[in-house]
C-alpha atoms as a PDB file:
ATOM      1  CA  MET A   1      49.198   3.268 -23.021  1.00  0.00           C
ATOM      2  CA  THR A   2      48.357  -0.065 -24.601  1.00  0.00           C
ATOM      3  CA  LEU A   3      45.100  -0.873 -26.319  1.00  0.00           C
ATOM      4  CA  VAL A   4      44.161  -3.312 -23.529  1.00  0.00           C
ATOM      5  CA  ALA A   5      44.417  -0.567 -20.901  1.00  0.00           C
ATOM      6  CA  ALA A   6      42.354   1.778 -23.077  1.00  0.00           C
ATOM      7  CA  LEU A   7      39.628  -0.847 -23.461  1.00  0.00           C
ATOM      8  CA  ALA A   8      39.678  -1.432 -19.684  1.00  0.00           C
ATOM      9  CA  VAL A   9      39.108   2.287 -19.057  1.00  0.00           C
ATOM     10  CA  PHE A  10      36.291   2.357 -21.624  1.00  0.00           C
ATOM     11  CA  ILE A  11      34.579  -0.758 -20.198  1.00  0.00           C
ATOM     12  CA  LEU A  12      34.799   0.699 -16.690  1.00  0.00           C
ATOM     13  CA  GLY A  13      33.152   3.902 -17.905  1.00  0.00           C
ATOM     14  CA  LEU A  14      30.486   1.913 -19.752  1.00  0.00           C
ATOM     15  CA  TRP A  15      29.745  -0.157 -16.642  1.00  0.00           C
ATOM     16  CA  LEU A  16      29.497   2.916 -14.433  1.00  0.00           C
ATOM     17  CA  SER A  17      27.149   4.530 -16.947  1.00  0.00           C
ATOM     18  CA  ALA A  18      24.928   1.439 -16.937  1.00  0.00           C
ATOM     19  CA  PHE A  19      24.997   1.230 -13.141  1.00  0.00           C
ATOM     20  CA  PHE A  20      24.023   4.825 -12.405  1.00  0.00           C
ATOM     21  CA  SER A  21      21.570   5.147 -15.288  1.00  0.00           C
ATOM     22  CA  GLY A  22      19.749   2.005 -14.218  1.00  0.00           C
ATOM     23  CA  ALA A  23      19.824   2.969 -10.532  1.00  0.00           C
ATOM     24  CA  GLU A  24      18.290   6.347 -11.336  1.00  0.00           C
ATOM     25  CA  THR A  25      15.398   4.715 -13.208  1.00  0.00           C
ATOM     26  CA  GLY A  26      14.912   2.101 -10.489  1.00  0.00           C
ATOM     27  CA  PHE A  27      14.835   4.750  -7.771  1.00  0.00           C
ATOM     28  CA  TYR A  28      11.891   6.524  -9.367  1.00  0.00           C
ATOM     29  CA  ARG A  29      10.118   3.231 -10.102  1.00  0.00           C
ATOM     30  CA  ILE A  30      10.527   1.508  -6.749  1.00  0.00           C
ATOM     31  CA  SER A  31       7.575   1.036  -4.403  1.00  0.00           C
ATOM     32  CA  PHE A  32       8.366   3.129  -1.343  1.00  0.00           C
ATOM     33  CA  VAL A  33       5.587   1.399   0.583  1.00  0.00           C
ATOM     34  CA  ARG A  34       7.155  -2.007   0.037  1.00  0.00           C
ATOM     35  CA  LEU A  35      10.609  -0.538   0.644  1.00  0.00           C
ATOM     36  CA  SER A  36       9.454   0.802   4.008  1.00  0.00           C
ATOM     37  CA  ILE A  37       7.954  -2.566   4.978  1.00  0.00           C
ATOM     38  CA  ASP A  38      11.157  -4.431   4.037  1.00  0.00           C
ATOM     39  CA  ALA A  39      13.248  -1.893   5.956  1.00  0.00           C
ATOM     40  CA  HIS A  40      11.136  -2.262   9.089  1.00  0.00           C
ATOM     41  CA  ALA A  41      11.469  -6.036   8.704  1.00  0.00           C
ATOM     42  CA  GLY A  42      15.231  -5.591   9.153  1.00  0.00           C
ATOM     43  CA  GLU A  43      16.568  -6.001   5.611  1.00  0.00           C
ATOM     44  CA  PRO A  44      19.888  -4.042   5.451  1.00  0.00           C
ATOM     45  CA  SER A  45      19.669  -3.131   1.754  1.00  0.00           C
ATOM     46  CA  ALA A  46      16.111  -1.871   2.200  1.00  0.00           C
ATOM     47  CA  LYS A  47      17.201   0.253   5.170  1.00  0.00           C
ATOM     48  CA  LYS A  48      19.953   1.815   3.091  1.00  0.00           C
ATOM     49  CA  MET A  49      17.652   2.597   0.158  1.00  0.00           C
ATOM     50  CA  LEU A  50      14.963   3.895   2.513  1.00  0.00           C
ATOM     51  CA  TRP A  51      17.502   6.400   3.813  1.00  0.00           C
ATOM     52  CA  PHE A  52      18.121   7.561   0.249  1.00  0.00           C
ATOM     53  CA  ALA A  53      14.357   7.699  -0.309  1.00  0.00           C
ATOM     54  CA  ARG A  54      14.060  10.054   2.653  1.00  0.00           C
ATOM     55  CA  HIS A  55      17.070  12.051   1.425  1.00  0.00           C
ATOM     56  CA  PRO A  56      16.621  12.091  -2.361  1.00  0.00           C
ATOM     57  CA  ALA A  57      19.113  14.928  -2.790  1.00  0.00           C
ATOM     58  CA  ALA A  58      21.901  12.563  -1.712  1.00  0.00           C
ATOM     59  CA  PHE A  59      20.792   9.966  -4.242  1.00  0.00           C
ATOM     60  CA  VAL A  60      20.468  12.443  -7.106  1.00  0.00           C
ATOM     61  CA  ALA A  61      23.846  14.063  -6.354  1.00  0.00           C
ATOM     62  CA  THR A  62      25.567  10.668  -6.266  1.00  0.00           C
ATOM     63  CA  THR A  63      24.071   9.572  -9.595  1.00  0.00           C
ATOM     64  CA  LEU A  64      24.915  12.941 -11.149  1.00  0.00           C
ATOM     65  CA  VAL A  65      28.556  12.697 -10.147  1.00  0.00           C
ATOM     66  CA  GLY A  66      28.674   9.009 -11.087  1.00  0.00           C
ATOM     67  CA  ASN A  67      27.278   9.633 -14.578  1.00  0.00           C
ATOM     68  CA  ASN A  68      29.818  12.401 -15.179  1.00  0.00           C
ATOM     69  CA  VAL A  69      32.655  10.142 -14.043  1.00  0.00           C
ATOM     70  CA  ALA A  70      31.329   7.381 -16.311  1.00  0.00           C
ATOM     71  CA  ASN A  71      31.126   9.692 -19.332  1.00  0.00           C
ATOM     72  CA  PHE A  72      34.642  10.988 -18.662  1.00  0.00           C
ATOM     73  CA  LEU A  73      36.115   7.473 -18.426  1.00  0.00           C
ATOM     74  CA  ALA A  74      34.289   6.310 -21.565  1.00  0.00           C
ATOM     75  CA  ALA A  75      35.534   9.330 -23.523  1.00  0.00           C
ATOM     76  CA  GLN A  76      39.050   8.857 -22.208  1.00  0.00           C
ATOM     77  CA  GLY A  77      38.987   5.198 -23.140  1.00  0.00           C
ATOM     78  CA  ILE A  78      37.992   6.052 -26.713  1.00  0.00           C
ATOM     79  CA  ALA A  79      40.699   8.706 -26.978  1.00  0.00           C
ATOM     80  CA  LEU A  80      43.371   6.348 -25.608  1.00  0.00           C
ATOM     81  CA  ALA A  81      42.259   3.553 -27.943  1.00  0.00           C
ATOM     82  CA  VAL A  82      42.512   5.880 -30.959  1.00  0.00           C
ATOM     83  CA  ALA A  83      45.974   6.969 -29.795  1.00  0.00           C
ATOM     84  CA  ALA A  84      47.064   3.335 -29.494  1.00  0.00           C
ATOM     85  CA  ILE A  85      45.728   2.344 -32.941  1.00  0.00           C
ATOM     86  CA  VAL A  86      46.494   5.387 -35.087  1.00  0.00           C
ATOM     87  CA  THR A  87      50.087   6.445 -35.514  1.00  0.00           C
ATOM     88  CA  ALA A  88      49.252  10.140 -36.001  1.00  0.00           C
ATOM     89  CA  PRO A  89      45.987  10.727 -34.111  1.00  0.00           C
ATOM     90  CA  GLY A  90      44.191  14.041 -34.355  1.00  0.00           C
ATOM     91  CA  VAL A  91      40.950  15.706 -33.400  1.00  0.00           C
ATOM     92  CA  GLY A  92      39.164  14.190 -36.394  1.00  0.00           C
ATOM     93  CA  TRP A  93      40.104  10.666 -35.385  1.00  0.00           C
ATOM     94  CA  GLU A  94      38.896  11.220 -31.814  1.00  0.00           C
ATOM     95  CA  ILE A  95      35.583  12.687 -33.001  1.00  0.00           C
ATOM     96  CA  GLY A  96      35.114   9.903 -35.499  1.00  0.00           C
ATOM     97  CA  GLY A  97      35.896   7.261 -32.897  1.00  0.00           C
ATOM     98  CA  THR A  98      33.447   8.839 -30.438  1.00  0.00           C
ATOM     99  CA  LEU A  99      30.669   8.925 -33.032  1.00  0.00           C
ATOM    100  CA  ALA A 100      31.370   5.318 -34.044  1.00  0.00           C
ATOM    101  CA  ILE A 101      31.201   4.035 -30.476  1.00  0.00           C
ATOM    102  CA  ALA A 102      28.255   6.246 -29.386  1.00  0.00           C
ATOM    103  CA  PRO A 103      25.569   3.621 -30.321  1.00  0.00           C
ATOM    104  CA  VAL A 104      27.328   1.067 -28.123  1.00  0.00           C
ATOM    105  CA  VAL A 105      27.360   3.478 -25.175  1.00  0.00           C
ATOM    106  CA  PHE A 106      23.717   4.376 -25.750  1.00  0.00           C
ATOM    107  CA  VAL A 107      22.506   0.765 -25.951  1.00  0.00           C
ATOM    108  CA  PHE A 108      24.603  -0.854 -23.221  1.00  0.00           C
ATOM    109  CA  GLY A 109      25.176   2.167 -20.981  1.00  0.00           C
ATOM    110  CA  GLU A 110      21.711   3.782 -21.103  1.00  0.00           C
ATOM    111  CA  LEU A 111      18.917   1.950 -22.894  1.00  0.00           C
ATOM    112  CA  MET A 112      19.422  -1.622 -21.692  1.00  0.00           C
ATOM    113  CA  PRO A 113      20.079  -0.890 -17.967  1.00  0.00           C
ATOM    114  CA  LYS A 114      17.172   1.569 -17.802  1.00  0.00           C
ATOM    115  CA  ASN A 115      14.870  -1.038 -19.319  1.00  0.00           C
ATOM    116  CA  LEU A 116      16.041  -3.726 -16.885  1.00  0.00           C
ATOM    117  CA  TYR A 117      15.587  -1.503 -13.841  1.00  0.00           C
ATOM    118  CA  PHE A 118      12.233  -0.342 -15.170  1.00  0.00           C
ATOM    119  CA  ARG A 119      10.989  -3.930 -15.273  1.00  0.00           C
ATOM    120  CA  SER A 120      12.290  -5.026 -11.849  1.00  0.00           C
ATOM    121  CA  PRO A 121      13.306  -1.965  -9.810  1.00  0.00           C
ATOM    122  CA  GLN A 122      12.899  -3.517  -6.358  1.00  0.00           C
ATOM    123  CA  ARG A 123      15.145  -6.528  -6.833  1.00  0.00           C
ATOM    124  CA  ARG A 124      17.899  -4.815  -8.816  1.00  0.00           C
ATOM    125  CA  LEU A 125      18.066  -1.668  -6.726  1.00  0.00           C
ATOM    126  CA  LEU A 126      18.205  -3.563  -3.439  1.00  0.00           C
ATOM    127  CA  SER A 127      20.827  -5.982  -4.732  1.00  0.00           C
ATOM    128  CA  ASN A 128      23.064  -3.033  -5.693  1.00  0.00           C
ATOM    129  CA  ALA A 129      22.319  -0.946  -2.594  1.00  0.00           C
ATOM    130  CA  PRO A 130      25.648  -1.729  -0.814  1.00  0.00           C
ATOM    131  CA  LEU A 131      27.640  -0.756  -3.922  1.00  0.00           C
ATOM    132  CA  PHE A 132      25.650   2.439  -4.372  1.00  0.00           C
ATOM    133  CA  GLY A 133      26.277   3.273  -0.706  1.00  0.00           C
ATOM    134  CA  ALA A 134      30.017   2.818  -1.289  1.00  0.00           C
ATOM    135  CA  PHE A 135      29.917   5.237  -4.240  1.00  0.00           C
ATOM    136  CA  PHE A 136      27.979   7.706  -2.072  1.00  0.00           C
ATOM    137  CA  TYR A 137      30.864   7.863   0.410  1.00  0.00           C
ATOM    138  CA  LEU A 138      33.464   7.850  -2.382  1.00  0.00           C
ATOM    139  CA  PHE A 139      31.873  10.806  -4.160  1.00  0.00           C
ATOM    140  CA  ALA A 140      30.948  12.628  -0.929  1.00  0.00           C
ATOM    141  CA  PRO A 141      33.652  15.334  -1.249  1.00  0.00           C
ATOM    142  CA  ILE A 142      32.237  16.291  -4.663  1.00  0.00           C
ATOM    143  CA  SER A 143      28.533  15.670  -4.059  1.00  0.00           C
ATOM    144  CA  ALA A 144      28.341  17.314  -0.626  1.00  0.00           C
ATOM    145  CA  PRO A 145      28.150  20.878  -2.015  1.00  0.00           C
ATOM    146  CA  LEU A 146      25.405  19.766  -4.431  1.00  0.00           C
ATOM    147  CA  ILE A 147      23.429  18.206  -1.562  1.00  0.00           C
ATOM    148  CA  LEU A 148      23.734  21.355   0.541  1.00  0.00           C
ATOM    149  CA  LEU A 149      22.709  23.529  -2.386  1.00  0.00           C
ATOM    150  CA  THR A 150      19.704  21.286  -3.098  1.00  0.00           C
ATOM    151  CA  GLY A 151      18.661  21.439   0.545  1.00  0.00           C
ATOM    152  CA  TRP A 152      18.864  25.220   0.538  1.00  0.00           C
ATOM    153  CA  LEU A 153      16.848  25.499  -2.668  1.00  0.00           C
ATOM    154  CA  GLY A 154      14.325  22.995  -1.292  1.00  0.00           C
ATOM    155  CA  ARG A 155      13.251  25.538   1.304  1.00  0.00           C
ATOM    156  CA  PHE A 156      11.619  27.543  -1.461  1.00  0.00           C
ATOM    157  CA  GLY A 157       9.766  24.582  -2.982  1.00  0.00           C
ATOM    158  CA  THR A 158       7.223  21.958  -1.886  1.00  0.00           C
ATOM    159  CA  THR A 159       7.798  19.371   0.783  1.00  0.00           C
ATOM    160  CA  ASP A 160       9.544  16.087   0.042  1.00  0.00           C
ATOM    161  CA  GLN A 161       7.124  13.625  -1.493  1.00  0.00           C
ATOM    162  CA  HIS A 162       9.291  10.615  -0.605  1.00  0.00           C
ATOM    163  CA  ALA A 163       9.352  11.346   3.117  1.00  0.00           C
ATOM    164  CA  THR A 164       7.029   8.917   4.865  1.00  0.00           C
ATOM    165  CA  PRO A 165       4.436  10.874   6.863  1.00  0.00           C
ATOM    166  CA  LEU A 166       3.459   9.718  10.335  1.00  0.00           C
ATOM    167  CA  VAL A 167      -0.233  10.408   9.692  1.00  0.00           C
ATOM    168  CA  LEU A 168      -1.683   9.632   6.263  1.00  0.00           C
ATOM    169  CA  GLY A 169      -4.569  11.644   4.905  1.00  0.00           C
ATOM    170  CA  ARG A 170      -7.498   9.842   3.313  1.00  0.00           C
ATOM    171  CA  LYS A 171      -6.376  10.303  -0.294  1.00  0.00           C
ATOM    172  CA  ARG A 172      -2.765   9.438   0.482  1.00  0.00           C
ATOM    173  CA  LEU A 173      -3.865   6.391   2.464  1.00  0.00           C
ATOM    174  CA  GLU A 174      -5.956   5.188  -0.485  1.00  0.00           C
ATOM    175  CA  GLN A 175      -2.939   5.598  -2.771  1.00  0.00           C
ATOM    176  CA  VAL A 176      -0.763   3.629  -0.352  1.00  0.00           C
ATOM    177  CA  LEU A 177      -3.325   0.829  -0.121  1.00  0.00           C
ATOM    178  CA  GLU A 178      -3.742   0.688  -3.884  1.00  0.00           C
ATOM    179  CA  GLU A 179       0.021   0.520  -4.317  1.00  0.00           C
ATOM    180  CA  GLY A 180       0.235  -2.182  -1.668  1.00  0.00           C
ATOM    181  CA  HIS A 181      -2.385  -4.238  -3.516  1.00  0.00           C
ATOM    182  CA  GLU A 182      -0.511  -3.821  -6.818  1.00  0.00           C
ATOM    183  CA  GLN A 183       2.742  -4.905  -5.167  1.00  0.00           C
ATOM    184  CA  GLY A 184       1.111  -8.016  -3.719  1.00  0.00           C
ATOM    185  CA  LEU A 185       1.290  -6.820  -0.108  1.00  0.00           C
ATOM    186  CA  LEU A 186      -2.488  -6.831   0.338  1.00  0.00           C
ATOM    187  CA  ALA A 187      -4.722  -9.717  -0.629  1.00  0.00           C
ATOM    188  CA  ASP A 188      -7.994  -8.984  -2.370  1.00  0.00           C
ATOM    189  CA  ILE A 189     -10.021  -9.652   0.772  1.00  0.00           C
ATOM    190  CA  GLN A 190      -7.822  -7.289   2.795  1.00  0.00           C
ATOM    191  CA  ASN A 191      -8.073  -4.606   0.155  1.00  0.00           C
ATOM    192  CA  ARG A 192     -11.869  -4.932   0.116  1.00  0.00           C
ATOM    193  CA  LEU A 193     -12.014  -4.691   3.913  1.00  0.00           C
ATOM    194  CA  VAL A 194      -9.992  -1.498   3.967  1.00  0.00           C
ATOM    195  CA  GLY A 195     -12.083  -0.103   1.117  1.00  0.00           C
ATOM    196  CA  GLY A 196     -15.228  -0.933   3.063  1.00  0.00           C
ATOM    197  CA  LEU A 197     -13.890   0.806   6.155  1.00  0.00           C
ATOM    198  CA  LEU A 198     -13.068   3.931   4.157  1.00  0.00           C
ATOM    199  CA  ASN A 199     -16.166   4.074   1.985  1.00  0.00           C
ATOM    200  CA  SER A 200     -19.048   2.444   3.845  1.00  0.00           C
ATOM    201  CA  GLY A 201     -17.911   2.375   7.465  1.00  0.00           C
ATOM    202  CA  ARG A 202     -18.972   5.992   7.973  1.00  0.00           C
ATOM    203  CA  ALA A 203     -22.471   5.494   6.534  1.00  0.00           C
ATOM    204  CA  PRO A 204     -25.277   5.818   9.116  1.00  0.00           C
ATOM    205  CA  VAL A 205     -26.735   2.657  10.568  1.00  0.00           C
ATOM    206  CA  GLU A 206     -30.165   3.602   9.227  1.00  0.00           C
ATOM    207  CA  SER A 207     -28.990   2.540   5.771  1.00  0.00           C
ATOM    208  CA  SER A 208     -28.529  -1.028   7.021  1.00  0.00           C
ATOM    209  CA  PHE A 209     -31.368  -1.719   9.440  1.00  0.00           C
ATOM    210  CA  VAL A 210     -34.666  -3.489   8.856  1.00  0.00           C
ATOM    211  CA  PRO A 211     -37.684  -1.280   9.765  1.00  0.00           C
ATOM    212  CA  ARG A 212     -39.707  -2.421  12.753  1.00  0.00           C
ATOM    213  CA  HIS A 213     -42.805  -3.264  10.717  1.00  0.00           C
ATOM    214  CA  ARG A 214     -40.849  -5.620   8.416  1.00  0.00           C
ATOM    215  CA  ILE A 215     -39.134  -7.680  11.100  1.00  0.00           C
ATOM    216  CA  PRO A 216     -40.237 -11.369  11.071  1.00  0.00           C
ATOM    217  CA  GLY A 217     -40.274 -11.899  14.828  1.00  0.00           C
ATOM    218  CA  LEU A 218     -42.409 -13.507  17.544  1.00  0.00           C
ATOM    219  CA  PRO A 219     -43.512 -12.682  21.096  1.00  0.00           C
ATOM    220  CA  GLN A 220     -41.387 -13.863  24.024  1.00  0.00           C
ATOM    221  CA  SER A 221     -44.012 -16.410  25.014  1.00  0.00           C
ATOM    222  CA  ALA A 222     -43.447 -18.427  21.795  1.00  0.00           C
ATOM    223  CA  SER A 223     -42.367 -22.009  22.355  1.00  0.00           C
ATOM    224  CA  ARG A 224     -39.174 -23.614  21.095  1.00  0.00           C
ATOM    225  CA  GLU A 225     -41.055 -25.418  18.335  1.00  0.00           C
ATOM    226  CA  GLN A 226     -42.771 -22.203  17.206  1.00  0.00           C
ATOM    227  CA  LEU A 227     -39.453 -20.356  17.080  1.00  0.00           C
ATOM    228  CA  LEU A 228     -37.772 -23.136  15.085  1.00  0.00           C
ATOM    229  CA  ASP A 229     -40.646 -23.383  12.614  1.00  0.00           C
ATOM    230  CA  HIS A 230     -40.641 -19.611  12.223  1.00  0.00           C
ATOM    231  CA  ALA A 231     -36.895 -19.571  11.577  1.00  0.00           C
ATOM    232  CA  ARG A 232     -37.219 -22.401   9.061  1.00  0.00           C
ATOM    233  CA  GLN A 233     -40.039 -20.605   7.247  1.00  0.00           C
ATOM    234  CA  TYR A 234     -38.166 -17.298   6.867  1.00  0.00           C
ATOM    235  CA  GLY A 235     -34.614 -18.689   6.655  1.00  0.00           C
ATOM    236  CA  LEU A 236     -33.446 -16.950   9.836  1.00  0.00           C
ATOM    237  CA  THR A 237     -30.383 -17.575  11.940  1.00  0.00           C
ATOM    238  CA  GLU A 238     -31.687 -15.370  14.771  1.00  0.00           C
ATOM    239  CA  VAL A 239     -35.297 -14.730  15.729  1.00  0.00           C
ATOM    240  CA  ALA A 240     -36.184 -11.366  17.238  1.00  0.00           C
ATOM    241  CA  VAL A 241     -38.752 -11.358  20.044  1.00  0.00           C
ATOM    242  CA  HIS A 242     -40.856  -8.678  21.694  1.00  0.00           C
ATOM    243  CA  PRO A 243     -42.803  -8.583  24.971  1.00  0.00           C
ATOM    244  CA  ASP A 244     -46.282 -10.044  24.812  1.00  0.00           C
ATOM    245  CA  GLY A 245     -48.808  -7.487  23.710  1.00  0.00           C
ATOM    246  CA  GLU A 246     -46.164  -5.005  22.557  1.00  0.00           C
ATOM    247  CA  PRO A 247     -45.501  -5.741  18.874  1.00  0.00           C
ATOM    248  CA  GLY A 248     -42.684  -3.660  17.480  1.00  0.00           C
ATOM    249  CA  ALA A 249     -40.997  -3.167  20.848  1.00  0.00           C
ATOM    250  CA  TRP A 250     -38.144  -5.551  19.993  1.00  0.00           C
ATOM    251  CA  SER A 251     -36.055  -6.186  23.072  1.00  0.00           C
ATOM    252  CA  ALA A 252     -34.196  -9.489  22.580  1.00  0.00           C
ATOM    253  CA  CYS A 253     -33.365 -12.279  20.162  1.00  0.00           C
ATOM    254  CA  VAL A 254     -32.579 -15.956  20.269  1.00  0.00           C
ATOM    255  CA  ARG A 255     -30.084 -17.851  18.143  1.00  0.00           C
ATOM    256  CA  VAL A 256     -31.594 -20.691  16.139  1.00  0.00           C
ATOM    257  CA  LEU A 257     -28.486 -22.814  16.747  1.00  0.00           C
ATOM    258  CA  ASP A 258     -28.985 -22.544  20.512  1.00  0.00           C
ATOM    259  CA  LEU A 259     -32.611 -23.556  20.104  1.00  0.00           C
ATOM    260  CA  ALA A 260     -31.724 -26.560  17.962  1.00  0.00           C
ATOM    261  CA  VAL A 261     -28.877 -28.062  20.012  1.00  0.00           C
ATOM    262  CA  GLY A 262     -29.572 -26.815  23.544  1.00  0.00           C
ATOM    263  CA  ASP A 263     -32.072 -28.028  26.103  1.00  0.00           C
ATOM    264  CA  GLN A 264     -32.289 -24.833  28.150  1.00  0.00           C
ATOM    265  CA  ASP A 265     -35.498 -22.892  28.515  1.00  0.00           C
ATOM    266  CA  VAL A 266     -36.144 -20.274  25.845  1.00  0.00           C
ATOM    267  CA  GLU A 267     -35.996 -17.526  28.488  1.00  0.00           C
ATOM    268  CA  GLN A 268     -32.403 -18.483  29.297  1.00  0.00           C
ATOM    269  CA  LEU A 269     -31.395 -18.318  25.618  1.00  0.00           C
ATOM    270  CA  LEU A 270     -32.646 -14.769  25.044  1.00  0.00           C
ATOM    271  CA  VAL A 271     -29.930 -12.254  24.128  1.00  0.00           C
ATOM    272  CA  PRO A 272     -30.807  -8.626  24.999  1.00  0.00           C
ATOM    273  CA  LEU A 273     -30.553  -6.229  22.058  1.00  0.00           C
ATOM    274  CA  PRO A 274     -28.018  -3.407  22.469  1.00  0.00           C
ATOM    275  CA  ARG A 275     -29.557   0.019  21.916  1.00  0.00           C
ATOM    276  CA  ILE A 276     -28.017   2.034  19.084  1.00  0.00           C
ATOM    277  CA  GLU A 277     -28.825   5.671  18.479  1.00  0.00           C
ATOM    278  CA  PRO A 278     -29.830   6.894  15.004  1.00  0.00           C
ATOM    279  CA  GLY A 279     -26.950   8.492  13.116  1.00  0.00           C
ATOM    280  CA  THR A 280     -24.407   6.034  14.496  1.00  0.00           C
ATOM    281  CA  SER A 281     -22.004   4.876  11.807  1.00  0.00           C
ATOM    282  CA  ARG A 282     -22.055   1.307  10.587  1.00  0.00           C
ATOM    283  CA  LEU A 283     -18.584   0.711  11.974  1.00  0.00           C
ATOM    284  CA  ASN A 284     -19.480   1.988  15.458  1.00  0.00           C
ATOM    285  CA  ALA A 285     -22.683  -0.056  15.386  1.00  0.00           C
ATOM    286  CA  LEU A 286     -20.698  -3.177  14.498  1.00  0.00           C
ATOM    287  CA  MET A 287     -18.273  -2.500  17.342  1.00  0.00           C
ATOM    288  CA  THR A 288     -21.193  -2.105  19.755  1.00  0.00           C
ATOM    289  CA  LEU A 289     -22.688  -5.444  18.695  1.00  0.00           C
ATOM    290  CA  ASN A 290     -19.300  -7.125  19.052  1.00  0.00           C
ATOM    291  CA  GLU A 291     -18.844  -5.706  22.551  1.00  0.00           C
ATOM    292  CA  HIS A 292     -22.180  -7.169  23.650  1.00  0.00           C
ATOM    293  CA  ALA A 293     -21.724 -10.415  21.648  1.00  0.00           C
ATOM    294  CA  ALA A 294     -25.178  -9.774  20.202  1.00  0.00           C
ATOM    295  CA  PRO A 295     -26.196 -10.861  16.687  1.00  0.00           C
ATOM    296  CA  LEU A 296     -28.845  -8.105  16.482  1.00  0.00           C
ATOM    297  CA  GLY A 297     -29.123  -4.550  17.731  1.00  0.00           C
ATOM    298  CA  ALA A 298     -32.066  -2.184  18.129  1.00  0.00           C
ATOM    299  CA  VAL A 299     -31.939   1.312  16.647  1.00  0.00           C
ATOM    300  CA  VAL A 300     -33.890   3.295  19.236  1.00  0.00           C
ATOM    301  CA  GLN A 301     -34.967   6.922  19.302  1.00  0.00           C
ATOM    302  CA  ASP A 302     -36.974   8.359  22.216  1.00  0.00           C
ATOM    303  CA  ASP A 303     -37.638   4.814  23.518  1.00  0.00           C
ATOM    304  CA  ILE A 304     -39.179   3.859  20.181  1.00  0.00           C
ATOM    305  CA  THR A 305     -37.551   1.052  18.214  1.00  0.00           C
ATOM    306  CA  LEU A 306     -37.051   2.184  14.619  1.00  0.00           C
ATOM    307  CA  GLY A 307     -35.632  -1.100  13.386  1.00  0.00           C
ATOM    308  CA  LEU A 308     -33.068  -3.854  13.916  1.00  0.00           C
ATOM    309  CA  VAL A 309     -29.560  -4.119  12.525  1.00  0.00           C
ATOM    310  CA  SER A 310     -27.676  -7.386  11.992  1.00  0.00           C
ATOM    311  CA  ARG A 311     -24.044  -7.878  12.919  1.00  0.00           C
ATOM    312  CA  ARG A 312     -23.559 -10.293  10.028  1.00  0.00           C
ATOM    313  CA  ARG A 313     -24.999  -7.837   7.522  1.00  0.00           C
ATOM    314  CA  LEU A 314     -22.779  -5.015   8.793  1.00  0.00           C
ATOM    315  CA  ALA A 315     -19.708  -7.240   8.461  1.00  0.00           C
ATOM    316  CA  GLU A 316     -20.669  -8.305   4.936  1.00  0.00           C
ATOM    317  CA  GLN A 317     -21.018  -4.670   3.884  1.00  0.00           C
ATOM    318  CA  LEU A 318     -17.439  -3.993   4.963  1.00  0.00           C
ATOM    319  CA  PHE A 319     -16.141  -6.755   2.673  1.00  0.00           C
ATOM    320  CA  ARG A 320     -18.376  -5.846  -0.260  1.00  0.00           C
ATOM    321  CA  ARG A 321     -16.587  -4.555  -3.348  1.00  0.00           C
ATOM    322  CA  GLN A 322     -16.663  -0.780  -3.317  1.00  0.00           C
ATOM    323  CA  ALA A 323     -16.737   1.715  -6.160  1.00  0.00           C
ATOM    324  CA  PRO A 324     -13.532   3.803  -6.433  1.00  0.00           C
ATOM    325  CA  ALA A 325     -13.500   6.554  -3.832  1.00  0.00           C
END
């Protein structure tokens, strides 16, 4: 065999080594959350890699067989090149040639492709997904027993960590959201909202209400001018009102904007306060206020108003930066 053919065999082995070594690194570096989103968006390469992510034994078996084929071709190429160059080749020449070319194989067949896939696993792995799928079918007669053996041994171990669960636990969901934020799938405001739902949404509404004795409100008989002056003095967007002669029995509110731009009577602008029981979570309280389109709600126990809670304040608390859970 000529030297050109020997070099062709060696280069093929070197390329296969780089391909499977890089793919193996990229597979363990890829974001499976982003991969799942791309697959559900209809991207063919993402669908193919998501299948391998859900069946990692098939991926590992294919790379194992591919690396062995690559090493065999590289070794054969070196041996054939030595035979073409040296007139009386022997074992010493083959060993010497292998040792001389080993740094080239290590740098271009292992180190460089692993580094490239480590830096950009998503793009490189998806771009090579069709080719990897072709090698999967090509090596199937050899890799199939390995896959079956891995599946049998997997019965005695833990569950597959790459399988996407239908229901995410709290800790797993937080990991998914954090990974989504790192991958640029979630904006900062979205990440803060989800963090607020997980961390502060379950807190009781008592931690957010204003006690009844600290509420800057007026009786229902107050005039439009009195309500506007009161709102201007305390910087209010809504003014709570109570029945005449019953201070602390807050029953309704009026929006300052309606008072300023409308010409209706004050009685027609009153918004009844939804009643919220103590112990209700912030999130449920916010949903109640949204259902009634009310800016304020009354936390009531045994027909006694304990305090008022603001829809705007509840919403702001959901978007507030949270400490790590």
